[in-house]
Amino acid sequence: MVIKLALFLHIISAIFWIGGMLFLTLVVAPFLKTMPDPKDRSKVYQFVGKKYRRFGWAAIIILLVTGPIILYGIYGISPGMYFSSSTLSTGFGHALIIKLALVALIVISSFTHDFFFGPKARNSSKYNLIAKIFGRGNLLVALFIVIFAVMLRAGGL
């Protein structure tokens, strides 16, 4: 029962996090381009971004907690086995390592975006561009994480 709950929370959190990034990129950002006043655009994006950030980080935390539970409960792989030669010698292990590396990358990148570049973006076109690049890059990395999650479920590379 715990494994099924962890899997449910993992999937819902991934849907929410990636769906939110898609919504911001594909809906909110194009809408803001229709607003003539840059200060109004910034206010709206800051409001939406701050509101989403809280829920996005909750989703990230849930993903980071439920991922190891799922790996152990379904596949019998404990955190100590992630980098073992027996795990790394399989296609599953290769997909797992790539997914874990992407997860580490996106957590660091999201933190940098949300707490460093994002707040500075409202007053600087340079930081605005950097924040945009980080945001879109995070979306791309998140989509690759989903690809490798599917590969894991299908047995690996």
N, C-alpha and C. Protein backbone atom coordinates (compact mmCIF):
# COMPACT_ATOMS: atom_id res chain seq x y z
N MET A 1 0.82 -1.21 0.00
CA MET A 1 0.00 0.00 0.00
C MET A 1 0.86 1.27 0.00
N VAL A 2 1.97 1.26 0.77
CA VAL A 2 2.85 2.42 0.84
C VAL A 2 3.47 2.68 -0.53
N ILE A 3 3.85 1.61 -1.23
CA ILE A 3 4.47 1.76 -2.55
C ILE A 3 3.47 2.37 -3.53
N LYS A 4 2.24 1.92 -3.50
CA LYS A 4 1.22 2.46 -4.40
C LYS A 4 0.95 3.93 -4.10
N LEU A 5 0.91 4.29 -2.83
CA LEU A 5 0.71 5.69 -2.45
C LEU A 5 1.91 6.53 -2.90
N ALA A 6 3.12 6.00 -2.70
CA ALA A 6 4.33 6.73 -3.13
C ALA A 6 4.32 6.92 -4.65
N LEU A 7 3.93 5.88 -5.38
CA LEU A 7 3.88 5.97 -6.85
C LEU A 7 2.83 6.99 -7.28
N PHE A 8 1.68 6.97 -6.64
CA PHE A 8 0.62 7.94 -6.95
C PHE A 8 1.11 9.37 -6.69
N LEU A 9 1.70 9.61 -5.53
CA LEU A 9 2.19 10.95 -5.20
C LEU A 9 3.32 11.38 -6.13
N HIS A 10 4.17 10.43 -6.52
CA HIS A 10 5.27 10.73 -7.44
C HIS A 10 4.72 11.18 -8.80
N ILE A 11 3.78 10.44 -9.31
CA ILE A 11 3.22 10.76 -10.63
C ILE A 11 2.45 12.08 -10.58
N ILE A 12 1.63 12.28 -9.57
CA ILE A 12 0.87 13.53 -9.44
C ILE A 12 1.81 14.72 -9.30
N SER A 13 2.86 14.58 -8.51
CA SER A 13 3.82 15.67 -8.32
C SER A 13 4.55 15.99 -9.62
N ALA A 14 4.93 14.96 -10.37
CA ALA A 14 5.61 15.18 -11.65
C ALA A 14 4.67 15.88 -12.63
N ILE A 15 3.42 15.44 -12.66
CA ILE A 15 2.44 16.08 -13.54
C ILE A 15 2.28 17.55 -13.17
N PHE A 16 2.16 17.82 -11.88
CA PHE A 16 1.97 19.20 -11.43
C PHE A 16 3.17 20.06 -11.76
N TRP A 17 4.37 19.55 -11.47
CA TRP A 17 5.58 20.34 -11.66
C TRP A 17 5.84 20.61 -13.14
N ILE A 18 5.80 19.57 -13.94
CA ILE A 18 6.07 19.75 -15.37
C ILE A 18 4.91 20.48 -16.04
N GLY A 19 3.70 20.17 -15.63
CA GLY A 19 2.54 20.87 -16.18
C GLY A 19 2.60 22.36 -15.88
N GLY A 20 3.05 22.70 -14.69
CA GLY A 20 3.19 24.10 -14.33
C GLY A 20 4.23 24.81 -15.18
N MET A 21 5.35 24.12 -15.42
CA MET A 21 6.38 24.72 -16.26
C MET A 21 5.88 24.90 -17.69
N LEU A 22 5.15 23.91 -18.19
CA LEU A 22 4.57 24.02 -19.54
C LEU A 22 3.57 25.17 -19.60
N PHE A 23 2.74 25.30 -18.57
CA PHE A 23 1.75 26.37 -18.53
C PHE A 23 2.42 27.74 -18.53
N LEU A 24 3.45 27.89 -17.71
CA LEU A 24 4.16 29.17 -17.66
C LEU A 24 4.80 29.51 -19.01
N THR A 25 5.40 28.51 -19.64
CA THR A 25 6.11 28.73 -20.89
C THR A 25 5.17 28.91 -22.08
N LEU A 26 4.13 28.10 -22.14
CA LEU A 26 3.27 28.08 -23.33
C LEU A 26 2.04 28.97 -23.23
N VAL A 27 1.66 29.35 -22.01
CA VAL A 27 0.43 30.15 -21.86
C VAL A 27 0.73 31.52 -21.24
N VAL A 28 1.36 31.52 -20.07
CA VAL A 28 1.57 32.79 -19.36
C VAL A 28 2.55 33.69 -20.12
N ALA A 29 3.70 33.15 -20.51
CA ALA A 29 4.71 33.98 -21.19
C ALA A 29 4.18 34.60 -22.49
N PRO A 30 3.51 33.84 -23.37
CA PRO A 30 2.96 34.48 -24.57
C PRO A 30 1.89 35.53 -24.25
N PHE A 31 1.08 35.28 -23.21
CA PHE A 31 0.08 36.28 -22.82
C PHE A 31 0.76 37.57 -22.37
N LEU A 32 1.83 37.44 -21.59
CA LEU A 32 2.51 38.63 -21.09
C LEU A 32 3.10 39.46 -22.22
N LYS A 33 3.47 38.83 -23.31
CA LYS A 33 4.02 39.57 -24.45
C LYS A 33 2.99 40.50 -25.07
N THR A 34 1.71 40.25 -24.81
CA THR A 34 0.66 41.12 -25.34
C THR A 34 0.46 42.37 -24.48
N MET A 35 1.07 42.39 -23.31
CA MET A 35 0.94 43.53 -22.41
C MET A 35 1.99 44.58 -22.79
N PRO A 36 1.57 45.81 -23.05
CA PRO A 36 2.52 46.82 -23.52
C PRO A 36 3.50 47.33 -22.46
N ASP A 37 3.07 47.37 -21.21
CA ASP A 37 3.93 47.95 -20.16
C ASP A 37 4.82 46.88 -19.54
N PRO A 38 6.15 47.01 -19.68
CA PRO A 38 7.08 46.01 -19.12
C PRO A 38 6.95 45.85 -17.60
N LYS A 39 6.61 46.94 -16.90
CA LYS A 39 6.46 46.85 -15.44
C LYS A 39 5.24 46.00 -15.07
N ASP A 40 4.16 46.14 -15.84
CA ASP A 40 2.98 45.31 -15.60
C ASP A 40 3.29 43.84 -15.88
N ARG A 41 4.02 43.59 -16.98
CA ARG A 41 4.42 42.21 -17.30
C ARG A 41 5.23 41.62 -16.16
N SER A 42 6.17 42.39 -15.66
CA SER A 42 7.03 41.92 -14.58
C SER A 42 6.21 41.61 -13.33
N LYS A 43 5.26 42.50 -12.99
CA LYS A 43 4.43 42.29 -11.80
C LYS A 43 3.64 41.00 -11.91
N VAL A 44 3.02 40.78 -13.06
CA VAL A 44 2.21 39.58 -13.26
C VAL A 44 3.10 38.34 -13.17
N TYR A 45 4.24 38.36 -13.87
CA TYR A 45 5.11 37.19 -13.88
C TYR A 45 5.68 36.92 -12.49
N GLN A 46 6.03 37.98 -11.75
CA GLN A 46 6.53 37.80 -10.40
C GLN A 46 5.46 37.19 -9.50
N PHE A 47 4.22 37.65 -9.63
CA PHE A 47 3.12 37.13 -8.82
C PHE A 47 2.89 35.66 -9.13
N VAL A 48 2.75 35.35 -10.42
CA VAL A 48 2.49 33.97 -10.83
C VAL A 48 3.67 33.08 -10.45
N GLY A 49 4.88 33.56 -10.71
CA GLY A 49 6.08 32.79 -10.40
C GLY A 49 6.21 32.48 -8.93
N LYS A 50 5.98 33.46 -8.08
CA LYS A 50 6.09 33.24 -6.64
C LYS A 50 5.03 32.27 -6.15
N LYS A 51 3.83 32.42 -6.68
CA LYS A 51 2.74 31.53 -6.29
C LYS A 51 3.05 30.09 -6.71
N TYR A 52 3.52 29.92 -7.94
CA TYR A 52 3.84 28.59 -8.44
C TYR A 52 5.06 28.00 -7.72
N ARG A 53 6.03 28.84 -7.40
CA ARG A 53 7.29 28.38 -6.79
C ARG A 53 7.02 27.58 -5.52
N ARG A 54 6.13 28.06 -4.69
CA ARG A 54 5.83 27.36 -3.43
C ARG A 54 5.33 25.94 -3.70
N PHE A 55 4.38 25.83 -4.64
CA PHE A 55 3.83 24.52 -4.97
C PHE A 55 4.85 23.67 -5.74
N GLY A 56 5.63 24.31 -6.59
CA GLY A 56 6.64 23.60 -7.35
C GLY A 56 7.68 22.96 -6.45
N TRP A 57 8.12 23.68 -5.43
CA TRP A 57 9.10 23.11 -4.51
C TRP A 57 8.48 22.02 -3.64
N ALA A 58 7.22 22.14 -3.32
CA ALA A 58 6.54 21.05 -2.60
C ALA A 58 6.54 19.79 -3.47
N ALA A 59 6.27 19.97 -4.76
CA ALA A 59 6.29 18.84 -5.69
C ALA A 59 7.68 18.24 -5.77
N ILE A 60 8.71 19.07 -5.85
CA ILE A 60 10.09 18.58 -5.92
C ILE A 60 10.42 17.75 -4.68
N ILE A 61 10.05 18.24 -3.52
CA ILE A 61 10.33 17.51 -2.28
C ILE A 61 9.62 16.17 -2.27
N ILE A 62 8.36 16.16 -2.69
CA ILE A 62 7.62 14.89 -2.77
C ILE A 62 8.31 13.93 -3.74
N LEU A 63 8.75 14.44 -4.88
CA LEU A 63 9.45 13.60 -5.86
C LEU A 63 10.74 13.02 -5.27
N LEU A 64 11.49 13.85 -4.56
CA LEU A 64 12.75 13.40 -3.98
C LEU A 64 12.55 12.38 -2.86
N VAL A 65 11.43 12.46 -2.17
CA VAL A 65 11.13 11.49 -1.10
C VAL A 65 10.56 10.19 -1.69
N THR A 66 9.64 10.32 -2.62
CA THR A 66 8.97 9.12 -3.14
C THR A 66 9.82 8.33 -4.13
N GLY A 67 10.73 8.99 -4.83
CA GLY A 67 11.57 8.28 -5.81
C GLY A 67 12.32 7.11 -5.20
N PRO A 68 13.10 7.33 -4.13
CA PRO A 68 13.81 6.20 -3.50
C PRO A 68 12.87 5.13 -2.94
N ILE A 69 11.70 5.55 -2.44
CA ILE A 69 10.73 4.57 -1.94
C ILE A 69 10.27 3.66 -3.08
N ILE A 70 10.00 4.24 -4.23
CA ILE A 70 9.56 3.47 -5.40
C ILE A 70 10.69 2.55 -5.88
N LEU A 71 11.90 3.09 -5.99
CA LEU A 71 13.03 2.26 -6.44
C LEU A 71 13.22 1.05 -5.54
N TYR A 72 13.11 1.25 -4.25
CA TYR A 72 13.30 0.13 -3.33
C TYR A 72 12.08 -0.80 -3.35
N GLY A 73 10.89 -0.22 -3.27
CA GLY A 73 9.67 -1.03 -3.16
C GLY A 73 9.34 -1.83 -4.41
N ILE A 74 9.62 -1.29 -5.57
CA ILE A 74 9.27 -1.98 -6.82
C ILE A 74 10.46 -2.76 -7.37
N TYR A 75 11.65 -2.16 -7.32
CA TYR A 75 12.83 -2.76 -7.97
C TYR A 75 13.84 -3.35 -7.00
N GLY A 76 13.67 -3.13 -5.69
CA GLY A 76 14.59 -3.67 -4.70
C GLY A 76 15.94 -2.96 -4.68
N ILE A 77 15.98 -1.72 -5.18
CA ILE A 77 17.23 -0.97 -5.24
C ILE A 77 17.24 0.09 -4.15
N SER A 78 18.13 -0.08 -3.19
CA SER A 78 18.27 0.90 -2.11
C SER A 78 19.25 1.98 -2.54
N PRO A 79 19.24 3.14 -1.88
CA PRO A 79 20.17 4.21 -2.27
C PRO A 79 21.63 3.78 -2.31
N GLY A 80 22.03 2.86 -1.45
CA GLY A 80 23.41 2.39 -1.46
C GLY A 80 23.77 1.58 -2.70
N MET A 81 22.75 1.15 -3.42
CA MET A 81 22.97 0.35 -4.63
C MET A 81 22.95 1.18 -5.91
N TYR A 82 22.61 2.46 -5.84
CA TYR A 82 22.47 3.28 -7.05
C TYR A 82 23.73 3.28 -7.90
N PHE A 83 24.89 3.32 -7.25
CA PHE A 83 26.15 3.42 -7.99
C PHE A 83 26.98 2.14 -7.91
N SER A 84 26.35 1.05 -7.51
CA SER A 84 27.08 -0.21 -7.41
C SER A 84 27.35 -0.79 -8.79
N SER A 85 28.37 -1.62 -8.88
CA SER A 85 28.72 -2.21 -10.18
C SER A 85 27.61 -3.11 -10.69
N SER A 86 26.88 -3.76 -9.79
CA SER A 86 25.79 -4.63 -10.25
C SER A 86 24.65 -3.82 -10.87
N THR A 87 24.38 -2.65 -10.33
CA THR A 87 23.35 -1.78 -10.92
C THR A 87 23.85 -1.14 -12.20
N LEU A 88 25.07 -0.65 -12.17
CA LEU A 88 25.62 0.07 -13.33
C LEU A 88 25.90 -0.84 -14.53
N SER A 89 25.92 -2.14 -14.31
CA SER A 89 26.21 -3.06 -15.41
C SER A 89 24.96 -3.42 -16.23
N THR A 90 23.83 -2.81 -15.87
CA THR A 90 22.58 -3.13 -16.59
C THR A 90 22.05 -1.90 -17.33
N GLY A 91 21.20 -2.15 -18.31
CA GLY A 91 20.53 -1.05 -19.01
C GLY A 91 19.66 -0.25 -18.07
N PHE A 92 19.05 -0.94 -17.10
CA PHE A 92 18.25 -0.26 -16.09
C PHE A 92 19.14 0.69 -15.29
N GLY A 93 20.31 0.21 -14.90
CA GLY A 93 21.24 1.04 -14.13
C GLY A 93 21.72 2.24 -14.90
N HIS A 94 21.95 2.07 -16.20
CA HIS A 94 22.37 3.21 -17.03
C HIS A 94 21.27 4.28 -17.08
N ALA A 95 20.04 3.83 -17.30
CA ALA A 95 18.92 4.78 -17.33
C ALA A 95 18.74 5.45 -15.98
N LEU A 96 18.92 4.67 -14.90
CA LEU A 96 18.77 5.21 -13.55
C LEU A 96 19.81 6.29 -13.27
N ILE A 97 21.06 6.03 -13.62
CA ILE A 97 22.13 7.00 -13.36
C ILE A 97 21.89 8.29 -14.15
N ILE A 98 21.47 8.15 -15.39
CA ILE A 98 21.19 9.35 -16.20
C ILE A 98 20.04 10.13 -15.59
N LYS A 99 18.98 9.41 -15.18
CA LYS A 99 17.84 10.09 -14.56
C LYS A 99 18.25 10.80 -13.27
N LEU A 100 19.03 10.12 -12.43
CA LEU A 100 19.48 10.72 -11.17
C LEU A 100 20.36 11.95 -11.42
N ALA A 101 21.22 11.87 -12.43
CA ALA A 101 22.06 13.03 -12.77
C ALA A 101 21.21 14.20 -13.23
N LEU A 102 20.18 13.91 -14.04
CA LEU A 102 19.28 14.97 -14.50
C LEU A 102 18.48 15.55 -13.33
N VAL A 103 18.07 14.70 -12.39
CA VAL A 103 17.35 15.19 -11.21
C VAL A 103 18.25 16.12 -10.40
N ALA A 104 19.51 15.72 -10.19
CA ALA A 104 20.44 16.59 -9.45
C ALA A 104 20.61 17.92 -10.19
N LEU A 105 20.78 17.84 -11.50
CA LEU A 105 20.95 19.06 -12.31
C LEU A 105 19.74 19.98 -12.19
N ILE A 106 18.54 19.42 -12.28
CA ILE A 106 17.35 20.28 -12.27
C ILE A 106 17.07 20.85 -10.89
N VAL A 107 17.40 20.12 -9.84
CA VAL A 107 17.20 20.67 -8.49
C VAL A 107 18.14 21.87 -8.29
N ILE A 108 19.39 21.71 -8.67
CA ILE A 108 20.35 22.81 -8.54
C ILE A 108 19.95 23.98 -9.44
N SER A 109 19.59 23.67 -10.67
CA SER A 109 19.20 24.71 -11.62
C SER A 109 17.92 25.42 -11.19
N SER A 110 16.96 24.68 -10.69
CA SER A 110 15.70 25.29 -10.22
C SER A 110 15.95 26.19 -9.03
N PHE A 111 16.79 25.73 -8.12
CA PHE A 111 17.13 26.56 -6.97
C PHE A 111 17.78 27.86 -7.41
N THR A 112 18.73 27.76 -8.34
CA THR A 112 19.43 28.94 -8.87
C THR A 112 18.44 29.88 -9.56
N HIS A 113 17.55 29.31 -10.36
CA HIS A 113 16.55 30.11 -11.07
C HIS A 113 15.61 30.81 -10.09
N ASP A 114 15.06 30.03 -9.16
CA ASP A 114 14.00 30.55 -8.28
C ASP A 114 14.50 31.53 -7.22
N PHE A 115 15.72 31.33 -6.75
CA PHE A 115 16.17 32.13 -5.61
C PHE A 115 17.32 33.08 -5.93
N PHE A 116 17.84 33.02 -7.15
CA PHE A 116 18.90 33.95 -7.51
C PHE A 116 18.54 34.77 -8.75
N PHE A 117 18.45 34.12 -9.90
CA PHE A 117 18.19 34.86 -11.14
C PHE A 117 16.77 35.40 -11.22
N GLY A 118 15.80 34.59 -10.79
CA GLY A 118 14.40 35.02 -10.86
C GLY A 118 14.13 36.33 -10.13
N PRO A 119 14.52 36.44 -8.86
CA PRO A 119 14.29 37.70 -8.15
C PRO A 119 15.02 38.90 -8.76
N LYS A 120 16.20 38.66 -9.33
CA LYS A 120 16.94 39.76 -9.94
C LYS A 120 16.38 40.14 -11.31
N ALA A 121 15.58 39.26 -11.90
CA ALA A 121 15.10 39.48 -13.27
C ALA A 121 14.13 40.66 -13.37
N ARG A 122 13.45 40.98 -12.29
CA ARG A 122 12.45 42.04 -12.38
C ARG A 122 13.06 43.41 -12.62
N ASN A 123 14.33 43.59 -12.25
CA ASN A 123 14.97 44.90 -12.40
C ASN A 123 16.10 44.92 -13.42
N SER A 124 16.28 43.84 -14.16
CA SER A 124 17.42 43.77 -15.06
C SER A 124 17.09 42.94 -16.29
N SER A 125 17.28 43.51 -17.45
CA SER A 125 17.02 42.76 -18.68
C SER A 125 18.03 41.62 -18.83
N LYS A 126 19.25 41.82 -18.34
CA LYS A 126 20.27 40.77 -18.39
C LYS A 126 19.83 39.57 -17.55
N TYR A 127 19.42 39.81 -16.31
CA TYR A 127 18.98 38.72 -15.45
C TYR A 127 17.66 38.14 -15.94
N ASN A 128 16.85 38.96 -16.56
CA ASN A 128 15.59 38.47 -17.13
C ASN A 128 15.88 37.42 -18.20
N LEU A 129 16.84 37.70 -19.05
CA LEU A 129 17.22 36.74 -20.10
C LEU A 129 17.81 35.48 -19.48
N ILE A 130 18.67 35.62 -18.49
CA ILE A 130 19.27 34.46 -17.84
C ILE A 130 18.18 33.61 -17.16
N ALA A 131 17.25 34.26 -16.47
CA ALA A 131 16.16 33.53 -15.80
C ALA A 131 15.31 32.78 -16.83
N LYS A 132 15.06 33.43 -17.97
CA LYS A 132 14.28 32.79 -19.03
C LYS A 132 15.00 31.55 -19.56
N ILE A 133 16.31 31.67 -19.76
CA ILE A 133 17.10 30.53 -20.25
C ILE A 133 17.07 29.39 -19.22
N PHE A 134 17.26 29.73 -17.95
CA PHE A 134 17.20 28.70 -16.90
C PHE A 134 15.82 28.04 -16.86
N GLY A 135 14.77 28.85 -16.93
CA GLY A 135 13.41 28.32 -16.88
C GLY A 135 13.12 27.36 -18.03
N ARG A 136 13.47 27.77 -19.22
CA ARG A 136 13.24 26.91 -20.39
C ARG A 136 14.15 25.69 -20.36
N GLY A 137 15.38 25.89 -19.89
CA GLY A 137 16.30 24.75 -19.75
C GLY A 137 15.77 23.73 -18.74
N ASN A 138 15.21 24.23 -17.65
CA ASN A 138 14.62 23.33 -16.64
C ASN A 138 13.48 22.52 -17.23
N LEU A 139 12.66 23.16 -18.04
CA LEU A 139 11.56 22.43 -18.69
C LEU A 139 12.12 21.32 -19.57
N LEU A 140 13.13 21.62 -20.35
CA LEU A 140 13.74 20.62 -21.22
C LEU A 140 14.33 19.46 -20.41
N VAL A 141 15.04 19.78 -19.34
CA VAL A 141 15.61 18.73 -18.48
C VAL A 141 14.48 17.89 -17.86
N ALA A 142 13.41 18.54 -17.42
CA ALA A 142 12.29 17.81 -16.83
C ALA A 142 11.68 16.83 -17.83
N LEU A 143 11.57 17.24 -19.08
CA LEU A 143 11.03 16.34 -20.09
C LEU A 143 11.96 15.16 -20.34
N PHE A 144 13.27 15.39 -20.28
CA PHE A 144 14.22 14.27 -20.40
C PHE A 144 14.12 13.33 -19.19
N ILE A 145 13.85 13.89 -18.02
CA ILE A 145 13.65 13.04 -16.84
C ILE A 145 12.47 12.11 -17.06
N VAL A 146 11.41 12.62 -17.64
CA VAL A 146 10.24 11.79 -17.93
C VAL A 146 10.61 10.70 -18.93
N ILE A 147 11.38 11.05 -19.94
CA ILE A 147 11.82 10.04 -20.93
C ILE A 147 12.58 8.92 -20.22
N PHE A 148 13.50 9.27 -19.32
CA PHE A 148 14.27 8.25 -18.64
C PHE A 148 13.43 7.49 -17.60
N ALA A 149 12.40 8.13 -17.06
CA ALA A 149 11.47 7.42 -16.18
C ALA A 149 10.72 6.34 -16.98
N VAL A 150 10.31 6.68 -18.18
CA VAL A 150 9.64 5.69 -19.05
C VAL A 150 10.61 4.57 -19.39
N MET A 151 11.86 4.92 -19.69
CA MET A 151 12.87 3.88 -19.99
C MET A 151 13.08 2.95 -18.80
N LEU A 152 13.10 3.53 -17.59
CA LEU A 152 13.24 2.69 -16.40
C LEU A 152 12.08 1.71 -16.30
N ARG A 153 10.89 2.21 -16.50
CA ARG A 153 9.69 1.36 -16.41
C ARG A 153 9.71 0.27 -17.48
N ALA A 154 10.34 0.58 -18.62
CA ALA A 154 10.40 -0.39 -19.72
C ALA A 154 11.63 -1.30 -19.60
N GLY A 155 12.40 -1.18 -18.53
CA GLY A 155 13.51 -2.09 -18.31
C GLY A 155 14.89 -1.48 -18.49
N GLY A 156 14.99 -0.27 -18.96
CA GLY A 156 16.28 0.40 -19.09
C GLY A 156 16.59 0.76 -20.53
N LEU A 157 17.84 1.13 -20.75
CA LEU A 157 18.29 1.53 -22.09
C LEU A 157 18.46 0.33 -23.00
